PDB file of all heavy atoms in Angstrom:
ATOM      1  N   ILE A   1       0.838  -1.203   0.000  1.00  0.00           N
ATOM      2  CA  ILE A   1       0.000   0.000   0.000  1.00  0.00           C
ATOM      3  C   ILE A   1       0.872   1.252   0.000  1.00  0.00           C
ATOM      4  O   ILE A   1       0.641   2.177  -0.779  1.00  0.00           O
ATOM      5  CB  ILE A   1      -0.963  -0.022   1.204  1.00  0.00           C
ATOM      6  CG1 ILE A   1      -2.039  -1.099   0.991  1.00  0.00           C
ATOM      7  CG2 ILE A   1      -1.577   1.349   1.442  1.00  0.00           C
ATOM      8  CD1 ILE A   1      -2.922  -1.366   2.188  1.00  0.00           C
ATOM      9  N   ARG A   2       1.888   1.290   0.853  1.00  0.00           N
ATOM     10  CA  ARG A   2       2.772   2.468   0.911  1.00  0.00           C
ATOM     11  C   ARG A   2       3.450   2.735  -0.436  1.00  0.00           C
ATOM     12  O   ARG A   2       3.664   3.882  -0.816  1.00  0.00           O
ATOM     13  CB  ARG A   2       3.831   2.287   1.994  1.00  0.00           C
ATOM     14  CG  ARG A   2       3.312   2.457   3.385  1.00  0.00           C
ATOM     15  CD  ARG A   2       4.431   2.357   4.430  1.00  0.00           C
ATOM     16  NE  ARG A   2       3.827   2.227   5.738  1.00  0.00           N
ATOM     17  CZ  ARG A   2       3.647   1.062   6.371  1.00  0.00           C
ATOM     18  NH1 ARG A   2       4.057  -0.072   5.825  1.00  0.00           N
ATOM     19  NH2 ARG A   2       3.064   1.034   7.550  1.00  0.00           N
ATOM     20  N   GLU A   3       3.801   1.683  -1.142  1.00  0.00           N
ATOM     21  CA  GLU A   3       4.490   1.835  -2.424  1.00  0.00           C
ATOM     22  C   GLU A   3       3.609   2.457  -3.501  1.00  0.00           C
ATOM     23  O   GLU A   3       4.119   2.991  -4.491  1.00  0.00           O
ATOM     24  CB  GLU A   3       5.033   0.480  -2.886  1.00  0.00           C
ATOM     25  CG  GLU A   3       6.198   0.014  -2.027  1.00  0.00           C
ATOM     26  CD  GLU A   3       6.648  -1.402  -2.324  1.00  0.00           C
ATOM     27  OE1 GLU A   3       6.095  -2.053  -3.244  1.00  0.00           O
ATOM     28  OE2 GLU A   3       7.567  -1.873  -1.616  1.00  0.00           O
ATOM     29  N   MET A   4       2.300   2.432  -3.308  1.00  0.00           N
ATOM     30  CA  MET A   4       1.408   3.060  -4.291  1.00  0.00           C
ATOM     31  C   MET A   4       1.657   4.556  -4.425  1.00  0.00           C
ATOM     32  O   MET A   4       1.453   5.122  -5.498  1.00  0.00           O
ATOM     33  CB  MET A   4      -0.060   2.822  -3.916  1.00  0.00           C
ATOM     34  CG  MET A   4      -0.543   1.432  -4.150  1.00  0.00           C
ATOM     35  SD  MET A   4      -2.365   1.301  -4.056  1.00  0.00           S
ATOM     36  CE  MET A   4      -2.694   1.842  -2.379  1.00  0.00           C
ATOM     37  N   LYS A   5       2.091   5.191  -3.338  1.00  0.00           N
ATOM     38  CA  LYS A   5       2.289   6.641  -3.371  1.00  0.00           C
ATOM     39  C   LYS A   5       3.248   7.052  -4.483  1.00  0.00           C
ATOM     40  O   LYS A   5       3.019   8.049  -5.169  1.00  0.00           O
ATOM     41  CB  LYS A   5       2.808   7.142  -2.018  1.00  0.00           C
ATOM     42  CG  LYS A   5       2.935   8.647  -1.954  1.00  0.00           C
ATOM     43  CD  LYS A   5       3.333   9.120  -0.587  1.00  0.00           C
ATOM     44  CE  LYS A   5       3.465  10.629  -0.573  1.00  0.00           C
ATOM     45  NZ  LYS A   5       3.919  11.111   0.722  1.00  0.00           N
ATOM     46  N   ALA A   6       4.293   6.284  -4.707  1.00  0.00           N
ATOM     47  CA  ALA A   6       5.277   6.608  -5.751  1.00  0.00           C
ATOM     48  C   ALA A   6       4.827   6.149  -7.134  1.00  0.00           C
ATOM     49  O   ALA A   6       5.402   6.570  -8.124  1.00  0.00           O
ATOM     50  CB  ALA A   6       6.620   5.974  -5.406  1.00  0.00           C
ATOM     51  N   GLN A   7       3.789   5.318  -7.190  1.00  0.00           N
ATOM     52  CA  GLN A   7       3.387   4.718  -8.462  1.00  0.00           C
ATOM     53  C   GLN A   7       2.097   5.280  -9.052  1.00  0.00           C
ATOM     54  O   GLN A   7       1.822   5.092 -10.230  1.00  0.00           O
ATOM     55  CB  GLN A   7       3.243   3.204  -8.291  1.00  0.00           C
ATOM     56  CG  GLN A   7       4.530   2.534  -7.858  1.00  0.00           C
ATOM     57  CD  GLN A   7       4.321   1.067  -7.514  1.00  0.00           C
ATOM     58  OE1 GLN A   7       3.203   0.574  -7.434  1.00  0.00           O
ATOM     59  NE2 GLN A   7       5.413   0.364  -7.316  1.00  0.00           N
ATOM     60  N   ILE A   8       1.307   5.944  -8.230  1.00  0.00           N
ATOM     61  CA  ILE A   8       0.034   6.504  -8.704  1.00  0.00           C
ATOM     62  C   ILE A   8       0.104   8.014  -8.565  1.00  0.00           C
ATOM     63  O   ILE A   8       0.120   8.551  -7.458  1.00  0.00           O
ATOM     64  CB  ILE A   8      -1.161   5.917  -7.919  1.00  0.00           C
ATOM     65  CG1 ILE A   8      -1.181   4.390  -8.071  1.00  0.00           C
ATOM     66  CG2 ILE A   8      -2.467   6.533  -8.402  1.00  0.00           C
ATOM     67  CD1 ILE A   8      -2.252   3.689  -7.260  1.00  0.00           C
ATOM     68  N   GLU A   9       0.166   8.679  -9.698  1.00  0.00           N
ATOM     69  CA  GLU A   9       0.440  10.121  -9.739  1.00  0.00           C
ATOM     70  C   GLU A   9      -0.622  10.987  -9.069  1.00  0.00           C
ATOM     71  O   GLU A   9      -0.330  12.105  -8.651  1.00  0.00           O
ATOM     72  CB  GLU A   9       0.633  10.563 -11.192  1.00  0.00           C
ATOM     73  CG  GLU A   9      -0.560  10.344 -12.098  1.00  0.00           C
ATOM     74  CD  GLU A   9      -0.802   8.903 -12.552  1.00  0.00           C
ATOM     75  OE1 GLU A   9       0.081   8.040 -12.398  1.00  0.00           O
ATOM     76  OE2 GLU A   9      -1.900   8.626 -13.047  1.00  0.00           O
ATOM     77  N   SER A  10      -1.841  10.500  -8.931  1.00  0.00           N
ATOM     78  CA  SER A  10      -2.897  11.331  -8.344  1.00  0.00           C
ATOM     79  C   SER A  10      -2.864  11.363  -6.812  1.00  0.00           C
ATOM     80  O   SER A  10      -3.576  12.154  -6.196  1.00  0.00           O
ATOM     81  CB  SER A  10      -4.275  10.853  -8.821  1.00  0.00           C
ATOM     82  OG  SER A  10      -4.566   9.556  -8.341  1.00  0.00           O
ATOM     83  N   ILE A  11      -2.019  10.540  -6.185  1.00  0.00           N
ATOM     84  CA  ILE A  11      -1.932  10.531  -4.724  1.00  0.00           C
ATOM     85  C   ILE A  11      -1.098  11.718  -4.251  1.00  0.00           C
ATOM     86  O   ILE A  11       0.060  11.866  -4.629  1.00  0.00           O
ATOM     87  CB  ILE A  11      -1.304   9.215  -4.212  1.00  0.00           C
ATOM     88  CG1 ILE A  11      -2.217   8.025  -4.536  1.00  0.00           C
ATOM     89  CG2 ILE A  11      -1.035   9.300  -2.709  1.00  0.00           C
ATOM     90  CD1 ILE A  11      -1.624   6.670  -4.192  1.00  0.00           C
ATOM     91  N   VAL A  12      -1.695  12.563  -3.422  1.00  0.00           N
ATOM     92  CA  VAL A  12      -0.993  13.701  -2.818  1.00  0.00           C
ATOM     93  C   VAL A  12      -0.230  13.225  -1.588  1.00  0.00           C
ATOM     94  O   VAL A  12       0.926  13.578  -1.373  1.00  0.00           O
ATOM     95  CB  VAL A  12      -1.981  14.833  -2.450  1.00  0.00           C
ATOM     96  CG1 VAL A  12      -1.283  15.934  -1.666  1.00  0.00           C
ATOM     97  CG2 VAL A  12      -2.650  15.374  -3.708  1.00  0.00           C
ATOM     98  N   ASP A  13      -0.889  12.410  -0.764  1.00  0.00           N
ATOM     99  CA  ASP A  13      -0.249  11.867   0.435  1.00  0.00           C
ATOM    100  C   ASP A  13      -0.918  10.547   0.786  1.00  0.00           C
ATOM    101  O   ASP A  13      -2.078  10.314   0.435  1.00  0.00           O
ATOM    102  CB  ASP A  13      -0.359  12.852   1.595  1.00  0.00           C
ATOM    103  CG  ASP A  13       0.713  12.654   2.651  1.00  0.00           C
ATOM    104  OD1 ASP A  13       1.574  11.765   2.478  1.00  0.00           O
ATOM    105  OD2 ASP A  13       0.695  13.379   3.653  1.00  0.00           O
ATOM    106  N   LEU A  14      -0.181   9.698   1.487  1.00  0.00           N
ATOM    107  CA  LEU A  14      -0.690   8.380   1.857  1.00  0.00           C
ATOM    108  C   LEU A  14      -0.035   7.955   3.158  1.00  0.00           C
ATOM    109  O   LEU A  14       1.176   8.077   3.308  1.00  0.00           O
ATOM    110  CB  LEU A  14      -0.368   7.372   0.745  1.00  0.00           C
ATOM    111  CG  LEU A  14      -0.863   5.944   0.936  1.00  0.00           C
ATOM    112  CD1 LEU A  14      -1.129   5.305  -0.420  1.00  0.00           C
ATOM    113  CD2 LEU A  14       0.093   5.086   1.715  1.00  0.00           C
ATOM    114  N   HIS A  15      -0.875   7.485   4.091  1.00  0.00           N
ATOM    115  CA  HIS A  15      -0.395   6.946   5.366  1.00  0.00           C
ATOM    116  C   HIS A  15      -1.183   5.689   5.674  1.00  0.00           C
ATOM    117  O   HIS A  15      -2.389   5.627   5.436  1.00  0.00           O
ATOM    118  CB  HIS A  15      -0.631   7.945   6.511  1.00  0.00           C
ATOM    119  CG  HIS A  15       0.018   9.246   6.318  1.00  0.00           C
ATOM    120  ND1 HIS A  15       1.322   9.468   6.649  1.00  0.00           N
ATOM    121  CD2 HIS A  15      -0.446  10.411   5.808  1.00  0.00           C
ATOM    122  CE1 HIS A  15       1.637  10.718   6.356  1.00  0.00           C
ATOM    123  NE2 HIS A  15       0.575  11.303   5.845  1.00  0.00           N
ATOM    124  N   CYS A  16      -0.519   4.686   6.210  1.00  0.00           N
ATOM    125  CA  CYS A  16      -1.220   3.502   6.688  1.00  0.00           C
ATOM    126  C   CYS A  16      -0.443   2.924   7.855  1.00  0.00           C
ATOM    127  O   CYS A  16       0.757   3.164   7.999  1.00  0.00           O
ATOM    128  CB  CYS A  16      -1.405   2.464   5.583  1.00  0.00           C
ATOM    129  SG  CYS A  16       0.103   1.759   4.922  1.00  0.00           S
ATOM    130  N   GLY A  17      -1.143   2.178   8.703  1.00  0.00           N
ATOM    131  CA  GLY A  17      -0.451   1.593   9.838  1.00  0.00           C
ATOM    132  C   GLY A  17      -1.362   0.807  10.735  1.00  0.00           C
ATOM    133  O   GLY A  17      -2.568   0.681  10.499  1.00  0.00           O
ATOM    134  N   LYS A  18      -0.746   0.287  11.778  1.00  0.00           N
ATOM    135  CA  LYS A  18      -1.414  -0.589  12.746  1.00  0.00           C
ATOM    136  C   LYS A  18      -2.020   0.232  13.877  1.00  0.00           C
ATOM    137  O   LYS A  18      -1.391   1.148  14.409  1.00  0.00           O
ATOM    138  CB  LYS A  18      -0.400  -1.591  13.301  1.00  0.00           C
ATOM    139  CG  LYS A  18      -0.989  -2.629  14.212  1.00  0.00           C
ATOM    140  CD  LYS A  18       0.052  -3.660  14.603  1.00  0.00           C
ATOM    141  CE  LYS A  18      -0.574  -4.742  15.458  1.00  0.00           C
ATOM    142  NZ  LYS A  18       0.367  -5.816  15.767  1.00  0.00           N
ATOM    143  N   ASN A  19      -3.215  -0.128  14.256  1.00  0.00           N
ATOM    144  CA  ASN A  19      -3.911   0.494  15.373  1.00  0.00           C
ATOM    145  C   ASN A  19      -3.261   0.038  16.682  1.00  0.00           C
ATOM    146  O   ASN A  19      -3.098  -1.156  16.916  1.00  0.00           O
ATOM    147  CB  ASN A  19      -5.382   0.083  15.337  1.00  0.00           C
ATOM    148  CG  ASN A  19      -6.210   0.669  16.454  1.00  0.00           C
ATOM    149  OD1 ASN A  19      -5.752   1.517  17.211  1.00  0.00           O
ATOM    150  ND2 ASN A  19      -7.442   0.207  16.559  1.00  0.00           N
ATOM    151  N   PHE A  20      -2.898   0.976  17.543  1.00  0.00           N
ATOM    152  CA  PHE A  20      -2.305   0.603  18.825  1.00  0.00           C
ATOM    153  C   PHE A  20      -3.319   0.668  19.973  1.00  0.00           C
ATOM    154  O   PHE A  20      -2.995   0.350  21.105  1.00  0.00           O
ATOM    155  CB  PHE A  20      -1.065   1.445  19.154  1.00  0.00           C
ATOM    156  CG  PHE A  20      -1.323   2.919  19.201  1.00  0.00           C
ATOM    157  CD1 PHE A  20      -1.861   3.526  20.324  1.00  0.00           C
ATOM    158  CD2 PHE A  20      -1.005   3.710  18.118  1.00  0.00           C
ATOM    159  CE1 PHE A  20      -2.091   4.887  20.362  1.00  0.00           C
ATOM    160  CE2 PHE A  20      -1.220   5.079  18.141  1.00  0.00           C
ATOM    161  CZ  PHE A  20      -1.768   5.664  19.271  1.00  0.00           C
ATOM    162  N   THR A  21      -4.564   1.034  19.671  1.00  0.00           N
ATOM    163  CA  THR A  21      -5.607   1.077  20.680  1.00  0.00           C
ATOM    164  C   THR A  21      -6.278  -0.283  20.759  1.00  0.00           C
ATOM    165  O   THR A  21      -6.743  -0.809  19.755  1.00  0.00           O
ATOM    166  CB  THR A  21      -6.668   2.140  20.319  1.00  0.00           C
ATOM    167  OG1 THR A  21      -6.027   3.398  20.193  1.00  0.00           O
ATOM    168  CG2 THR A  21      -7.748   2.216  21.384  1.00  0.00           C
ATOM    169  N   ASP A  22      -6.325  -0.853  21.926  1.00  0.00           N
ATOM    170  CA  ASP A  22      -6.942  -2.151  22.120  1.00  0.00           C
ATOM    171  C   ASP A  22      -8.346  -1.957  22.674  1.00  0.00           C
ATOM    172  O   ASP A  22      -8.515  -1.549  23.822  1.00  0.00           O
ATOM    173  CB  ASP A  22      -6.096  -3.005  23.072  1.00  0.00           C
ATOM    174  CG  ASP A  22      -6.601  -4.429  23.167  1.00  0.00           C
ATOM    175  OD1 ASP A  22      -7.272  -4.891  22.216  1.00  0.00           O
ATOM    176  OD2 ASP A  22      -6.327  -5.078  24.184  1.00  0.00           O
ATOM    177  N   SER A  23      -9.342  -2.212  21.829  1.00  0.00           N
ATOM    178  CA  SER A  23     -10.722  -2.125  22.274  1.00  0.00           C
ATOM    179  C   SER A  23     -11.519  -3.237  21.608  1.00  0.00           C
ATOM    180  O   SER A  23     -11.102  -3.785  20.589  1.00  0.00           O
ATOM    181  CB  SER A  23     -11.315  -0.754  21.926  1.00  0.00           C
ATOM    182  OG  SER A  23     -11.293  -0.558  20.529  1.00  0.00           O
ATOM    183  N   LYS A  24     -12.645  -3.552  22.168  1.00  0.00           N
ATOM    184  CA  LYS A  24     -13.461  -4.646  21.646  1.00  0.00           C
ATOM    185  C   LYS A  24     -13.858  -4.362  20.200  1.00  0.00           C
ATOM    186  O   LYS A  24     -14.301  -3.262  19.868  1.00  0.00           O
ATOM    187  CB  LYS A  24     -14.710  -4.794  22.513  1.00  0.00           C
ATOM    188  CG  LYS A  24     -15.557  -5.967  22.117  1.00  0.00           C
ATOM    189  CD  LYS A  24     -16.755  -6.117  23.024  1.00  0.00           C
ATOM    190  CE  LYS A  24     -17.488  -7.368  22.586  1.00  0.00           C
ATOM    191  NZ  LYS A  24     -18.883  -7.280  22.659  1.00  0.00           N
ATOM    192  N   ASP A  25     -13.686  -5.358  19.347  1.00  0.00           N
ATOM    193  CA  ASP A  25     -14.085  -5.279  17.935  1.00  0.00           C
ATOM    194  C   ASP A  25     -13.425  -4.131  17.169  1.00  0.00           C
ATOM    195  O   ASP A  25     -14.013  -3.578  16.254  1.00  0.00           O
ATOM    196  CB  ASP A  25     -15.609  -5.176  17.813  1.00  0.00           C
ATOM    197  CG  ASP A  25     -16.306  -6.410  18.338  1.00  0.00           C
ATOM    198  OD1 ASP A  25     -15.735  -7.512  18.212  1.00  0.00           O
ATOM    199  OD2 ASP A  25     -17.414  -6.269  18.875  1.00  0.00           O
ATOM    200  N   HIS A  26     -12.226  -3.762  17.563  1.00  0.00           N
ATOM    201  CA  HIS A  26     -11.547  -2.661  16.888  1.00  0.00           C
ATOM    202  C   HIS A  26     -11.011  -3.088  15.516  1.00  0.00           C
ATOM    203  O   HIS A  26     -10.827  -4.263  15.244  1.00  0.00           O
ATOM    204  CB  HIS A  26     -10.397  -2.126  17.750  1.00  0.00           C
ATOM    205  CG  HIS A  26      -9.236  -3.081  17.860  1.00  0.00           C
ATOM    206  ND1 HIS A  26      -9.225  -4.129  18.750  1.00  0.00           N
ATOM    207  CD2 HIS A  26      -8.072  -3.162  17.166  1.00  0.00           C
ATOM    208  CE1 HIS A  26      -8.087  -4.809  18.620  1.00  0.00           C
ATOM    209  NE2 HIS A  26      -7.384  -4.252  17.661  1.00  0.00           N
ATOM    210  N   TYR A  27     -10.801  -2.109  14.677  1.00  0.00           N
ATOM    211  CA  TYR A  27     -10.118  -2.341  13.409  1.00  0.00           C
ATOM    212  C   TYR A  27      -8.628  -2.372  13.699  1.00  0.00           C
ATOM    213  O   TYR A  27      -8.125  -1.592  14.496  1.00  0.00           O
ATOM    214  CB  TYR A  27     -10.450  -1.237  12.401  1.00  0.00           C
ATOM    215  CG  TYR A  27     -11.874  -1.336  11.907  1.00  0.00           C
ATOM    216  CD1 TYR A  27     -12.890  -0.628  12.525  1.00  0.00           C
ATOM    217  CD2 TYR A  27     -12.189  -2.165  10.843  1.00  0.00           C
ATOM    218  CE1 TYR A  27     -14.197  -0.727  12.083  1.00  0.00           C
ATOM    219  CE2 TYR A  27     -13.492  -2.275  10.389  1.00  0.00           C
ATOM    220  CZ  TYR A  27     -14.489  -1.555  11.016  1.00  0.00           C
ATOM    221  OH  TYR A  27     -15.781  -1.664  10.580  1.00  0.00           O
ATOM    222  N   SER A  28      -7.912  -3.246  13.023  1.00  0.00           N
ATOM    223  CA  SER A  28      -6.500  -3.425  13.355  1.00  0.00           C
ATOM    224  C   SER A  28      -5.569  -2.499  12.584  1.00  0.00           C
ATOM    225  O   SER A  28      -4.474  -2.197  13.046  1.00  0.00           O
ATOM    226  CB  SER A  28      -6.074  -4.873  13.117  1.00  0.00           C
ATOM    227  OG  SER A  28      -6.216  -5.214  11.750  1.00  0.00           O
ATOM    228  N   HIS A  29      -6.000  -2.033  11.402  1.00  0.00           N
ATOM    229  CA  HIS A  29      -5.143  -1.199  10.562  1.00  0.00           C
ATOM    230  C   HIS A  29      -5.990  -0.147   9.850  1.00  0.00           C
ATOM    231  O   HIS A  29      -7.200  -0.337   9.676  1.00  0.00           O
ATOM    232  CB  HIS A  29      -4.411  -2.049   9.515  1.00  0.00           C
ATOM    233  CG  HIS A  29      -3.385  -2.946  10.111  1.00  0.00           C
ATOM    234  ND1 HIS A  29      -3.722  -4.076  10.825  1.00  0.00           N
ATOM    235  CD2 HIS A  29      -2.032  -2.868  10.121  1.00  0.00           C
ATOM    236  CE1 HIS A  29      -2.617  -4.667  11.248  1.00  0.00           C
ATOM    237  NE2 HIS A  29      -1.576  -3.959  10.842  1.00  0.00           N
ATOM    238  N   ALA A  30      -5.339   0.924   9.427  1.00  0.00           N
ATOM    239  CA  ALA A  30      -6.043   1.990   8.722  1.00  0.00           C
ATOM    240  C   ALA A  30      -5.180   2.523   7.575  1.00  0.00           C
ATOM    241  O   ALA A  30      -3.952   2.427   7.613  1.00  0.00           O
ATOM    242  CB  ALA A  30      -6.373   3.131   9.674  1.00  0.00           C
ATOM    243  N   LEU A  31      -5.866   3.080   6.600  1.00  0.00           N
ATOM    244  CA  LEU A  31      -5.231   3.712   5.446  1.00  0.00           C
ATOM    245  C   LEU A  31      -5.890   5.062   5.230  1.00  0.00           C
ATOM    246  O   LEU A  31      -7.123   5.162   5.285  1.00  0.00           O
ATOM    247  CB  LEU A  31      -5.440   2.839   4.198  1.00  0.00           C
ATOM    248  CG  LEU A  31      -5.205   3.488   2.833  1.00  0.00           C
ATOM    249  CD1 LEU A  31      -3.744   3.840   2.645  1.00  0.00           C
ATOM    250  CD2 LEU A  31      -5.689   2.565   1.716  1.00  0.00           C
ATOM    251  N   ILE A  32      -5.074   6.087   5.019  1.00  0.00           N
ATOM    252  CA  ILE A  32      -5.576   7.413   4.651  1.00  0.00           C
ATOM    253  C   ILE A  32      -4.830   7.843   3.403  1.00  0.00           C
ATOM    254  O   ILE A  32      -3.592   7.852   3.382  1.00  0.00           O
ATOM    255  CB  ILE A  32      -5.361   8.448   5.775  1.00  0.00           C
ATOM    256  CG1 ILE A  32      -6.076   8.008   7.043  1.00  0.00           C
ATOM    257  CG2 ILE A  32      -5.829   9.836   5.321  1.00  0.00           C
ATOM    258  CD1 ILE A  32      -5.764   8.875   8.251  1.00  0.00           C
ATOM    259  N   VAL A  33      -5.600   8.191   2.361  1.00  0.00           N
ATOM    260  CA  VAL A  33      -5.003   8.677   1.110  1.00  0.00           C
ATOM    261  C   VAL A  33      -5.642  10.025   0.803  1.00  0.00           C
ATOM    262  O   VAL A  33      -6.861  10.180   0.903  1.00  0.00           O
ATOM    263  CB  VAL A  33      -5.239   7.707  -0.065  1.00  0.00           C
ATOM    264  CG1 VAL A  33      -4.431   8.142  -1.274  1.00  0.00           C
ATOM    265  CG2 VAL A  33      -4.897   6.278   0.310  1.00  0.00           C
ATOM    266  N   ILE A  34      -4.820  10.989   0.413  1.00  0.00           N
ATOM    267  CA  ILE A  34      -5.280  12.332   0.079  1.00  0.00           C
ATOM    268  C   ILE A  34      -5.110  12.558  -1.422  1.00  0.00           C
ATOM    269  O   ILE A  34      -4.058  12.239  -1.997  1.00  0.00           O
ATOM    270  CB  ILE A  34      -4.497  13.414   0.855  1.00  0.00           C
ATOM    271  CG1 ILE A  34      -4.539  13.145   2.374  1.00  0.00           C
ATOM    272  CG2 ILE A  34      -4.997  14.818   0.523  1.00  0.00           C
ATOM    273  CD1 ILE A  34      -5.909  13.196   2.985  1.00  0.00           C
ATOM    274  N   PHE A  35      -6.152  13.139  -2.027  1.00  0.00           N
ATOM    275  CA  PHE A  35      -6.149  13.471  -3.449  1.00  0.00           C
ATOM    276  C   PHE A  35      -6.523  14.941  -3.622  1.00  0.00           C
ATOM    277  O   PHE A  35      -7.227  15.507  -2.779  1.00  0.00           O
ATOM    278  CB  PHE A  35      -7.169  12.613  -4.211  1.00  0.00           C
ATOM    279  CG  PHE A  35      -6.939  11.143  -4.052  1.00  0.00           C
ATOM    280  CD1 PHE A  35      -7.616  10.425  -3.080  1.00  0.00           C
ATOM    281  CD2 PHE A  35      -6.039  10.473  -4.860  1.00  0.00           C
ATOM    282  CE1 PHE A  35      -7.404   9.064  -2.918  1.00  0.00           C
ATOM    283  CE2 PHE A  35      -5.820   9.115  -4.704  1.00  0.00           C
ATOM    284  CZ  PHE A  35      -6.496   8.410  -3.733  1.00  0.00           C
ATOM    285  N   LYS A  36      -6.090  15.520  -4.712  1.00  0.00           N
ATOM    286  CA  LYS A  36      -6.402  16.915  -5.005  1.00  0.00           C
ATOM    287  C   LYS A  36      -7.894  17.092  -5.274  1.00  0.00           C
ATOM    288  O   LYS A  36      -8.493  18.088  -4.878  1.00  0.00           O
ATOM    289  CB  LYS A  36      -5.586  17.380  -6.214  1.00  0.00           C
ATOM    290  CG  LYS A  36      -5.808  18.803  -6.609  1.00  0.00           C
ATOM    291  CD  LYS A  36      -4.929  19.173  -7.791  1.00  0.00           C
ATOM    292  CE  LYS A  36      -5.275  20.545  -8.311  1.00  0.00           C
ATOM    293  NZ  LYS A  36      -4.529  20.858  -9.532  1.00  0.00           N
ATOM    294  N   ASP A  37      -8.483  16.101  -5.964  1.00  0.00           N
ATOM    295  CA  ASP A  37      -9.888  16.214  -6.354  1.00  0.00           C
ATOM    296  C   ASP A  37     -10.487  14.826  -6.568  1.00  0.00           C
ATOM    297  O   ASP A  37      -9.792  13.804  -6.466  1.00  0.00           O
ATOM    298  CB  ASP A  37     -10.037  17.067  -7.612  1.00  0.00           C
ATOM    299  CG  ASP A  37      -9.127  16.624  -8.755  1.00  0.00           C
ATOM    300  OD1 ASP A  37      -8.785  15.420  -8.833  1.00  0.00           O
ATOM    301  OD2 ASP A  37      -8.754  17.472  -9.581  1.00  0.00           O
ATOM    302  N   ILE A  38     -11.771  14.805  -6.872  1.00  0.00           N
ATOM    303  CA  ILE A  38     -12.474  13.535  -7.072  1.00  0.00           C
ATOM    304  C   ILE A  38     -11.909  12.783  -8.272  1.00  0.00           C
ATOM    305  O   ILE A  38     -11.827  11.550  -8.253  1.00  0.00           O
ATOM    306  CB  ILE A  38     -13.996  13.772  -7.206  1.00  0.00           C
ATOM    307  CG1 ILE A  38     -14.539  14.256  -5.857  1.00  0.00           C
ATOM    308  CG2 ILE A  38     -14.709  12.512  -7.656  1.00  0.00           C
ATOM    309  CD1 ILE A  38     -15.992  14.664  -5.861  1.00  0.00           C
ATOM    310  N   LYS A  39     -11.489  13.495  -9.289  1.00  0.00           N
ATOM    311  CA  LYS A  39     -10.876  12.851 -10.453  1.00  0.00           C
ATOM    312  C   LYS A  39      -9.640  12.042 -10.030  1.00  0.00           C
ATOM    313  O   LYS A  39      -9.411  10.938 -10.516  1.00  0.00           O
ATOM    314  CB  LYS A  39     -10.499  13.893 -11.501  1.00  0.00           C
ATOM    315  CG  LYS A  39      -9.932  13.294 -12.756  1.00  0.00           C
ATOM    316  CD  LYS A  39      -9.580  14.362 -13.782  1.00  0.00           C
ATOM    317  CE  LYS A  39      -8.909  13.710 -14.979  1.00  0.00           C
ATOM    318  NZ  LYS A  39      -8.386  14.687 -15.900  1.00  0.00           N
ATOM    319  N   GLY A  40      -8.852  12.572  -9.111  1.00  0.00           N
ATOM    320  CA  GLY A  40      -7.675  11.865  -8.605  1.00  0.00           C
ATOM    321  C   GLY A  40      -8.057  10.592  -7.878  1.00  0.00           C
ATOM    322  O   GLY A  40      -7.386   9.556  -8.017  1.00  0.00           O
ATOM    323  N   LEU A  41      -9.140  10.642  -7.108  1.00  0.00           N
ATOM    324  CA  LEU A  41      -9.638   9.449  -6.417  1.00  0.00           C
ATOM    325  C   LEU A  41     -10.067   8.393  -7.429  1.00  0.00           C
ATOM    326  O   LEU A  41      -9.756   7.210  -7.274  1.00  0.00           O
ATOM    327  CB  LEU A  41     -10.797   9.819  -5.488  1.00  0.00           C
ATOM    328  CG  LEU A  41     -11.528   8.665  -4.804  1.00  0.00           C
ATOM    329  CD1 LEU A  41     -10.603   7.868  -3.904  1.00  0.00           C
ATOM    330  CD2 LEU A  41     -12.728   9.201  -4.018  1.00  0.00           C
ATOM    331  N   GLU A  42     -10.770   8.815  -8.472  1.00  0.00           N
ATOM    332  CA  GLU A  42     -11.217   7.873  -9.499  1.00  0.00           C
ATOM    333  C   GLU A  42     -10.027   7.261 -10.240  1.00  0.00           C
ATOM    334  O   GLU A  42     -10.034   6.064 -10.548  1.00  0.00           O
ATOM    335  CB  GLU A  42     -12.169   8.559 -10.477  1.00  0.00           C
ATOM    336  CG  GLU A  42     -13.513   8.868  -9.869  1.00  0.00           C
ATOM    337  CD  GLU A  42     -14.202   7.645  -9.277  1.00  0.00           C
ATOM    338  OE1 GLU A  42     -14.234   6.588  -9.934  1.00  0.00           O
ATOM    339  OE2 GLU A  42     -14.698   7.736  -8.140  1.00  0.00           O
ATOM    340  N   THR A  43      -8.999   8.061 -10.511  1.00  0.00           N
ATOM    341  CA  THR A  43      -7.783   7.543 -11.146  1.00  0.00           C
ATOM    342  C   THR A  43      -7.172   6.453 -10.284  1.00  0.00           C
ATOM    343  O   THR A  43      -6.786   5.388 -10.775  1.00  0.00           O
ATOM    344  CB  THR A  43      -6.767   8.685 -11.377  1.00  0.00           C
ATOM    345  OG1 THR A  43      -7.338   9.633 -12.273  1.00  0.00           O
ATOM    346  CG2 THR A  43      -5.459   8.167 -11.941  1.00  0.00           C
ATOM    347  N   TYR A  44      -7.100   6.697  -8.995  1.00  0.00           N
ATOM    348  CA  TYR A  44      -6.566   5.735  -8.022  1.00  0.00           C
ATOM    349  C   TYR A  44      -7.390   4.450  -8.006  1.00  0.00           C
ATOM    350  O   TYR A  44      -6.849   3.353  -8.054  1.00  0.00           O
ATOM    351  CB  TYR A  44      -6.565   6.409  -6.649  1.00  0.00           C
ATOM    352  CG  TYR A  44      -6.439   5.515  -5.452  1.00  0.00           C
ATOM    353  CD1 TYR A  44      -5.207   5.034  -5.037  1.00  0.00           C
ATOM    354  CD2 TYR A  44      -7.563   5.191  -4.685  1.00  0.00           C
ATOM    355  CE1 TYR A  44      -5.087   4.244  -3.893  1.00  0.00           C
ATOM    356  CE2 TYR A  44      -7.454   4.403  -3.552  1.00  0.00           C
ATOM    357  CZ  TYR A  44      -6.217   3.930  -3.167  1.00  0.00           C
ATOM    358  OH  TYR A  44      -6.103   3.152  -2.050  1.00  0.00           O
ATOM    359  N   ARG A  45      -8.697   4.596  -7.921  1.00  0.00           N
ATOM    360  CA  ARG A  45      -9.574   3.419  -7.845  1.00  0.00           C
ATOM    361  C   ARG A  45      -9.395   2.479  -9.024  1.00  0.00           C
ATOM    362  O   ARG A  45      -9.471   1.272  -8.880  1.00  0.00           O
ATOM    363  CB  ARG A  45     -11.034   3.852  -7.773  1.00  0.00           C
ATOM    364  CG  ARG A  45     -11.434   4.343  -6.418  1.00  0.00           C
ATOM    365  CD  ARG A  45     -12.926   4.580  -6.369  1.00  0.00           C
ATOM    366  NE  ARG A  45     -13.298   5.077  -5.063  1.00  0.00           N
ATOM    367  CZ  ARG A  45     -14.321   5.889  -4.844  1.00  0.00           C
ATOM    368  NH1 ARG A  45     -15.075   6.284  -5.852  1.00  0.00           N
ATOM    369  NH2 ARG A  45     -14.600   6.294  -3.622  1.00  0.00           N
TER     370      ARG A  45
END
């Protein structure tokens, strides 16, 4: 996932990682990707 940032030109920024909060039924990892506009998101998809 991290390597996509260098390979997909429409990505402005990208972060992903492991959740360190331990709670019932929590999600273990998250991804945040920033795009300039909706067209950039569609290019990524």
